[in-house]
Amino acid sequence: MRIPSRFKWRSTREVWLTGEGFFAVQKQLDDHTGDKRKFTVHTERADVAVLGTRFTVYNRSRQTRVLLEEGRIALTDPVAGKMFLMKPGEVASYKKGDKTYRVEKADTEQQRPLIAWRSHLLVFENAPMTELKQRFQEVYGIELVMEGDEFKEQQFTGELPLSDIREALNILSETFGLEAVPHQDRIYFISNP
């Protein structure tokens, strides 16, 4: 996250985010005008403007998602030139290649994967191997190598600890009945002898 200098922060509350962030924004009045000061989170494909609220932003190379937990936000897609007014419980999703965001209501179970990182967990629900491999690369900086056609159709449902890669690998090894073998910045999954 990039934050402006302290001097600039007094006039404009803005941050630039790559990755994941949770924001609990308090309302503030401008000292000069008495108006409520806007707080804006900028990502590559979204500008999220708020006055006072709680929301999570997930911004990675292939996908951006915004979950509004409390309050109201205006999400602007600067590329498509569209603005979305979001209500609590809504998730705005953009995947690389989409024309613009899709906003929909999400129940508690659908919201969980977006907020689980605050509890130091990665949560997957019927995730294909491509998603599992992508998240491992993003979070741990490690490439998972799962060779063979049997993995293409596999899905993973479960929780992995963010702070303990060994435990995460143990869970995957037990789930798929394979041994995790590290080599440089890759983890190879091989059949147990």
C-alpha atoms as a PDB file:
ATOM      1  CA  MET A   1       0.000   0.000   0.000  1.00  0.00           C
ATOM      2  CA  ARG A   2       1.255   3.450  -0.878  1.00  0.00           C
ATOM      3  CA  ILE A   3       0.201   6.372   1.322  1.00  0.00           C
ATOM      4  CA  PRO A   4       0.804  10.056   0.536  1.00  0.00           C
ATOM      5  CA  SER A   5       2.975  12.292   2.670  1.00  0.00           C
ATOM      6  CA  ARG A   6       1.608  13.547   5.979  1.00  0.00           C
ATOM      7  CA  PHE A   7       1.202  17.052   4.520  1.00  0.00           C
ATOM      8  CA  LYS A   8      -0.807  15.829   1.537  1.00  0.00           C
ATOM      9  CA  TRP A   9      -2.887  13.500   3.758  1.00  0.00           C
ATOM     10  CA  ARG A  10      -4.410  16.566   5.465  1.00  0.00           C
ATOM     11  CA  SER A  11      -6.081  17.623   2.228  1.00  0.00           C
ATOM     12  CA  THR A  12      -6.693  14.278   0.523  1.00  0.00           C
ATOM     13  CA  ARG A  13      -7.235  10.901   2.184  1.00  0.00           C
ATOM     14  CA  GLU A  14      -6.102   8.520  -0.573  1.00  0.00           C
ATOM     15  CA  VAL A  15      -4.188   5.237  -0.679  1.00  0.00           C
ATOM     16  CA  TRP A  16      -2.976   3.043  -3.552  1.00  0.00           C
ATOM     17  CA  LEU A  17      -3.318  -0.708  -2.998  1.00  0.00           C
ATOM     18  CA  THR A  18      -1.915  -3.851  -4.542  1.00  0.00           C
ATOM     19  CA  GLY A  19      -2.871  -7.004  -2.657  1.00  0.00           C
ATOM     20  CA  GLU A  20      -5.527  -7.199   0.042  1.00  0.00           C
ATOM     21  CA  GLY A  21      -6.629  -4.580   2.538  1.00  0.00           C
ATOM     22  CA  PHE A  22      -9.380  -4.107   5.100  1.00  0.00           C
ATOM     23  CA  PHE A  23     -10.502  -0.557   5.836  1.00  0.00           C
ATOM     24  CA  ALA A  24     -12.594   0.792   8.719  1.00  0.00           C
ATOM     25  CA  VAL A  25     -12.971   4.452   7.801  1.00  0.00           C
ATOM     26  CA  GLN A  26     -14.135   7.048  10.297  1.00  0.00           C
ATOM     27  CA  LYS A  27     -15.971  10.130   9.177  1.00  0.00           C
ATOM     28  CA  GLN A  28     -13.866  13.277   9.312  1.00  0.00           C
ATOM     29  CA  LEU A  29     -14.748  16.866   8.663  1.00  0.00           C
ATOM     30  CA  ASP A  30     -12.558  19.125   6.581  1.00  0.00           C
ATOM     31  CA  ASP A  31     -11.044  21.831   8.824  1.00  0.00           C
ATOM     32  CA  HIS A  32     -11.600  24.549   6.229  1.00  0.00           C
ATOM     33  CA  THR A  33     -14.981  23.742   4.677  1.00  0.00           C
ATOM     34  CA  GLY A  34     -16.692  21.655   7.375  1.00  0.00           C
ATOM     35  CA  ASP A  35     -17.652  19.086   4.725  1.00  0.00           C
ATOM     36  CA  LYS A  36     -17.084  15.372   5.213  1.00  0.00           C
ATOM     37  CA  ARG A  37     -13.663  14.342   3.878  1.00  0.00           C
ATOM     38  CA  LYS A  38     -13.665  11.583   1.302  1.00  0.00           C
ATOM     39  CA  PHE A  39     -11.403   8.532   1.686  1.00  0.00           C
ATOM     40  CA  THR A  40     -10.370   6.814  -1.569  1.00  0.00           C
ATOM     41  CA  VAL A  41      -8.620   3.506  -2.233  1.00  0.00           C
ATOM     42  CA  HIS A  42      -7.102   3.320  -5.717  1.00  0.00           C
ATOM     43  CA  THR A  43      -6.281   0.058  -7.477  1.00  0.00           C
ATOM     44  CA  GLU A  44      -5.396  -0.620 -11.083  1.00  0.00           C
ATOM     45  CA  ARG A  45      -9.021  -1.211 -11.976  1.00  0.00           C
ATOM     46  CA  ALA A  46     -11.073   0.474  -9.217  1.00  0.00           C
ATOM     47  CA  ASP A  47     -11.366   3.679  -7.252  1.00  0.00           C
ATOM     48  CA  VAL A  48     -13.371   3.098  -4.050  1.00  0.00           C
ATOM     49  CA  ALA A  49     -14.607   6.324  -2.414  1.00  0.00           C
ATOM     50  CA  VAL A  50     -16.155   6.365   1.060  1.00  0.00           C
ATOM     51  CA  LEU A  51     -17.185   8.734   3.845  1.00  0.00           C
ATOM     52  CA  GLY A  52     -17.303   6.237   6.727  1.00  0.00           C
ATOM     53  CA  THR A  53     -17.587   2.495   6.350  1.00  0.00           C
ATOM     54  CA  ARG A  54     -15.985  -0.979   6.540  1.00  0.00           C
ATOM     55  CA  PHE A  55     -14.882  -2.774   3.390  1.00  0.00           C
ATOM     56  CA  THR A  56     -12.300  -5.200   2.021  1.00  0.00           C
ATOM     57  CA  VAL A  57     -10.408  -4.798  -1.246  1.00  0.00           C
ATOM     58  CA  TYR A  58      -8.731  -7.755  -2.939  1.00  0.00           C
ATOM     59  CA  ASN A  59      -6.532  -6.576  -5.814  1.00  0.00           C
ATOM     60  CA  ARG A  60      -4.331  -9.078  -7.639  1.00  0.00           C
ATOM     61  CA  SER A  61      -3.049  -9.328 -11.194  1.00  0.00           C
ATOM     62  CA  ARG A  62      -5.989 -11.337 -12.532  1.00  0.00           C
ATOM     63  CA  GLN A  63      -8.842 -10.231 -10.317  1.00  0.00           C
ATOM     64  CA  THR A  64     -10.196  -7.388  -8.191  1.00  0.00           C
ATOM     65  CA  ARG A  65     -12.987  -7.822  -5.649  1.00  0.00           C
ATOM     66  CA  VAL A  66     -14.523  -5.344  -3.225  1.00  0.00           C
ATOM     67  CA  LEU A  67     -16.708  -6.473  -0.312  1.00  0.00           C
ATOM     68  CA  LEU A  68     -18.766  -3.847   1.498  1.00  0.00           C
ATOM     69  CA  GLU A  69     -19.473  -4.893   5.082  1.00  0.00           C
ATOM     70  CA  GLU A  70     -20.968  -1.681   6.480  1.00  0.00           C
ATOM     71  CA  GLY A  71     -21.948   1.768   5.180  1.00  0.00           C
ATOM     72  CA  ARG A  72     -21.976   2.789   1.517  1.00  0.00           C
ATOM     73  CA  ILE A  73     -19.288   3.156  -1.096  1.00  0.00           C
ATOM     74  CA  ALA A  74     -19.052   4.365  -4.664  1.00  0.00           C
ATOM     75  CA  LEU A  75     -16.852   2.103  -6.774  1.00  0.00           C
ATOM     76  CA  THR A  76     -15.646   3.669 -10.016  1.00  0.00           C
ATOM     77  CA  ASP A  77     -14.252   1.617 -12.866  1.00  0.00           C
ATOM     78  CA  PRO A  78     -11.992   4.187 -14.564  1.00  0.00           C
ATOM     79  CA  VAL A  79     -11.438   2.019 -17.647  1.00  0.00           C
ATOM     80  CA  ALA A  80     -15.118   1.342 -18.375  1.00  0.00           C
ATOM     81  CA  GLY A  81     -16.171   4.772 -17.084  1.00  0.00           C
ATOM     82  CA  LYS A  82     -18.869   3.313 -14.817  1.00  0.00           C
ATOM     83  CA  MET A  83     -19.738   3.961 -11.183  1.00  0.00           C
ATOM     84  CA  PHE A  84     -21.457   1.490  -8.846  1.00  0.00           C
ATOM     85  CA  LEU A  85     -23.114   2.504  -5.567  1.00  0.00           C
ATOM     86  CA  MET A  86     -22.708  -0.471  -3.260  1.00  0.00           C
ATOM     87  CA  LYS A  87     -24.776  -1.558  -0.260  1.00  0.00           C
ATOM     88  CA  PRO A  88     -23.669  -3.704   2.704  1.00  0.00           C
ATOM     89  CA  GLY A  89     -23.238  -7.369   1.832  1.00  0.00           C
ATOM     90  CA  GLU A  90     -22.508  -6.713  -1.830  1.00  0.00           C
ATOM     91  CA  VAL A  91     -19.383  -7.870  -3.656  1.00  0.00           C
ATOM     92  CA  ALA A  92     -18.086  -6.199  -6.809  1.00  0.00           C
ATOM     93  CA  SER A  93     -15.953  -8.543  -8.918  1.00  0.00           C
ATOM     94  CA  TYR A  94     -13.736  -7.911 -11.910  1.00  0.00           C
ATOM     95  CA  LYS A  95     -11.655 -10.596 -13.637  1.00  0.00           C
ATOM     96  CA  LYS A  96      -9.000  -9.888 -16.225  1.00  0.00           C
ATOM     97  CA  GLY A  97     -10.726  -9.839 -19.597  1.00  0.00           C
ATOM     98  CA  ASP A  98     -14.137  -8.700 -18.266  1.00  0.00           C
ATOM     99  CA  LYS A  99     -15.584  -5.484 -19.658  1.00  0.00           C
ATOM    100  CA  THR A 100     -16.562  -4.115 -16.263  1.00  0.00           C
ATOM    101  CA  TYR A 101     -17.490  -5.099 -12.699  1.00  0.00           C
ATOM    102  CA  ARG A 102     -20.296  -7.418 -11.675  1.00  0.00           C
ATOM    103  CA  VAL A 103     -22.003  -6.420  -8.397  1.00  0.00           C
ATOM    104  CA  GLU A 104     -24.060  -8.965  -6.494  1.00  0.00           C
ATOM    105  CA  LYS A 105     -25.331  -9.726  -3.001  1.00  0.00           C
ATOM    106  CA  ALA A 106     -23.157 -12.218  -1.130  1.00  0.00           C
ATOM    107  CA  ASP A 107     -24.198 -14.265   1.873  1.00  0.00           C
ATOM    108  CA  THR A 108     -21.876 -14.844   4.841  1.00  0.00           C
ATOM    109  CA  GLU A 109     -20.414 -18.035   3.353  1.00  0.00           C
ATOM    110  CA  GLN A 110     -19.641 -16.277   0.047  1.00  0.00           C
ATOM    111  CA  GLN A 111     -17.975 -13.390   1.930  1.00  0.00           C
ATOM    112  CA  ARG A 112     -15.760 -15.673   4.030  1.00  0.00           C
ATOM    113  CA  PRO A 113     -12.952 -16.239   1.464  1.00  0.00           C
ATOM    114  CA  LEU A 114     -12.566 -12.455   1.122  1.00  0.00           C
ATOM    115  CA  ILE A 115     -12.239 -11.747   4.850  1.00  0.00           C
ATOM    116  CA  ALA A 116     -10.546 -14.957   6.093  1.00  0.00           C
ATOM    117  CA  TRP A 117      -7.052 -13.481   5.628  1.00  0.00           C
ATOM    118  CA  ARG A 118      -7.790 -11.211   8.608  1.00  0.00           C
ATOM    119  CA  SER A 119      -7.872 -14.447  10.663  1.00  0.00           C
ATOM    120  CA  HIS A 120      -4.635 -15.574   8.961  1.00  0.00           C
ATOM    121  CA  LEU A 121      -6.409 -18.132   6.758  1.00  0.00           C
ATOM    122  CA  LEU A 122      -6.864 -18.854   3.080  1.00  0.00           C
ATOM    123  CA  VAL A 123     -10.328 -20.290   2.470  1.00  0.00           C
ATOM    124  CA  PHE A 124     -11.222 -22.267  -0.645  1.00  0.00           C
ATOM    125  CA  GLU A 125     -14.629 -23.559  -1.719  1.00  0.00           C
ATOM    126  CA  ASN A 126     -14.566 -25.987  -4.654  1.00  0.00           C
ATOM    127  CA  ALA A 127     -11.517 -24.161  -6.013  1.00  0.00           C
ATOM    128  CA  PRO A 128      -9.958 -25.549  -9.191  1.00  0.00           C
ATOM    129  CA  MET A 129      -6.239 -26.340  -9.166  1.00  0.00           C
ATOM    130  CA  THR A 130      -5.517 -23.217 -11.222  1.00  0.00           C
ATOM    131  CA  GLU A 131      -6.958 -21.037  -8.433  1.00  0.00           C
ATOM    132  CA  LEU A 132      -5.073 -22.938  -5.736  1.00  0.00           C
ATOM    133  CA  LYS A 133      -1.793 -22.573  -7.645  1.00  0.00           C
ATOM    134  CA  GLN A 134      -2.420 -18.855  -8.277  1.00  0.00           C
ATOM    135  CA  ARG A 135      -3.155 -18.092  -4.603  1.00  0.00           C
ATOM    136  CA  PHE A 136      -0.035 -19.992  -3.492  1.00  0.00           C
ATOM    137  CA  GLN A 137       2.059 -17.914  -5.868  1.00  0.00           C
ATOM    138  CA  GLU A 138       0.475 -14.662  -4.653  1.00  0.00           C
ATOM    139  CA  VAL A 139       0.644 -15.419  -0.941  1.00  0.00           C
ATOM    140  CA  TYR A 140       3.734 -17.561  -0.483  1.00  0.00           C
ATOM    141  CA  GLY A 141       5.709 -16.714  -3.637  1.00  0.00           C
ATOM    142  CA  ILE A 142       5.972 -20.417  -4.437  1.00  0.00           C
ATOM    143  CA  GLU A 143       4.857 -22.285  -7.527  1.00  0.00           C
ATOM    144  CA  LEU A 144       2.927 -25.502  -6.988  1.00  0.00           C
ATOM    145  CA  VAL A 145       3.687 -28.173  -9.580  1.00  0.00           C
ATOM    146  CA  MET A 146       1.011 -30.823  -9.890  1.00  0.00           C
ATOM    147  CA  GLU A 147       1.619 -32.898 -12.969  1.00  0.00           C
ATOM    148  CA  GLY A 148      -0.757 -35.359 -14.503  1.00  0.00           C
ATOM    149  CA  ASP A 149      -4.258 -35.259 -15.925  1.00  0.00           C
ATOM    150  CA  GLU A 150      -5.797 -36.355 -12.611  1.00  0.00           C
ATOM    151  CA  PHE A 151      -5.152 -32.861 -11.179  1.00  0.00           C
ATOM    152  CA  LYS A 152      -6.755 -30.850 -13.957  1.00  0.00           C
ATOM    153  CA  GLU A 153     -10.263 -31.693 -12.778  1.00  0.00           C
ATOM    154  CA  GLN A 154      -9.505 -31.744  -9.021  1.00  0.00           C
ATOM    155  CA  GLN A 155     -11.030 -29.137  -6.728  1.00  0.00           C
ATOM    156  CA  PHE A 156     -10.009 -28.117  -3.231  1.00  0.00           C
ATOM    157  CA  THR A 157     -12.291 -27.151  -0.368  1.00  0.00           C
ATOM    158  CA  GLY A 158     -10.691 -26.211   2.931  1.00  0.00           C
ATOM    159  CA  GLU A 159      -8.657 -23.760   4.954  1.00  0.00           C
ATOM    160  CA  LEU A 160      -4.913 -23.176   4.811  1.00  0.00           C
ATOM    161  CA  PRO A 161      -2.927 -21.143   7.365  1.00  0.00           C
ATOM    162  CA  LEU A 162      -1.345 -17.991   5.952  1.00  0.00           C
ATOM    163  CA  SER A 163       1.517 -17.900   8.417  1.00  0.00           C
ATOM    164  CA  ASP A 164       2.608 -21.553   8.239  1.00  0.00           C
ATOM    165  CA  ILE A 165       3.482 -22.784   4.759  1.00  0.00           C
ATOM    166  CA  ARG A 166       4.609 -26.174   6.105  1.00  0.00           C
ATOM    167  CA  GLU A 167       1.193 -26.781   7.625  1.00  0.00           C
ATOM    168  CA  ALA A 168      -0.484 -25.617   4.395  1.00  0.00           C
ATOM    169  CA  LEU A 169       1.619 -28.094   2.404  1.00  0.00           C
ATOM    170  CA  ASN A 170       0.853 -30.880   4.904  1.00  0.00           C
ATOM    171  CA  ILE A 171      -2.866 -30.259   4.476  1.00  0.00           C
ATOM    172  CA  LEU A 172      -2.564 -30.408   0.682  1.00  0.00           C
ATOM    173  CA  SER A 173      -0.388 -33.529   0.856  1.00  0.00           C
ATOM    174  CA  GLU A 174      -2.924 -35.340   3.032  1.00  0.00           C
ATOM    175  CA  THR A 175      -5.853 -34.149   0.929  1.00  0.00           C
ATOM    176  CA  PHE A 176      -4.388 -35.415  -2.345  1.00  0.00           C
ATOM    177  CA  GLY A 177      -2.393 -38.350  -0.957  1.00  0.00           C
ATOM    178  CA  LEU A 178       0.884 -36.967  -2.295  1.00  0.00           C
ATOM    179  CA  GLU A 179       4.251 -35.929  -0.914  1.00  0.00           C
ATOM    180  CA  ALA A 180       5.255 -32.250  -1.173  1.00  0.00           C
ATOM    181  CA  VAL A 181       8.882 -31.984  -2.303  1.00  0.00           C
ATOM    182  CA  PRO A 182      10.422 -28.486  -2.269  1.00  0.00           C
ATOM    183  CA  HIS A 183      12.973 -27.514  -4.900  1.00  0.00           C
ATOM    184  CA  GLN A 184      14.092 -23.859  -5.225  1.00  0.00           C
ATOM    185  CA  ASP A 185      10.924 -21.736  -5.503  1.00  0.00           C
ATOM    186  CA  ARG A 186       8.674 -24.661  -6.454  1.00  0.00           C
ATOM    187  CA  ILE A 187       6.851 -27.409  -4.613  1.00  0.00           C
ATOM    188  CA  TYR A 188       6.456 -30.647  -6.527  1.00  0.00           C
ATOM    189  CA  PHE A 189       3.712 -33.042  -5.510  1.00  0.00           C
ATOM    190  CA  ILE A 190       4.699 -36.647  -6.146  1.00  0.00           C
ATOM    191  CA  SER A 191       3.117 -40.022  -5.392  1.00  0.00           C
ATOM    192  CA  ASN A 192       4.060 -41.474  -2.021  1.00  0.00           C
ATOM    193  CA  PRO A 193       6.323 -44.506  -2.434  1.00  0.00           C
END
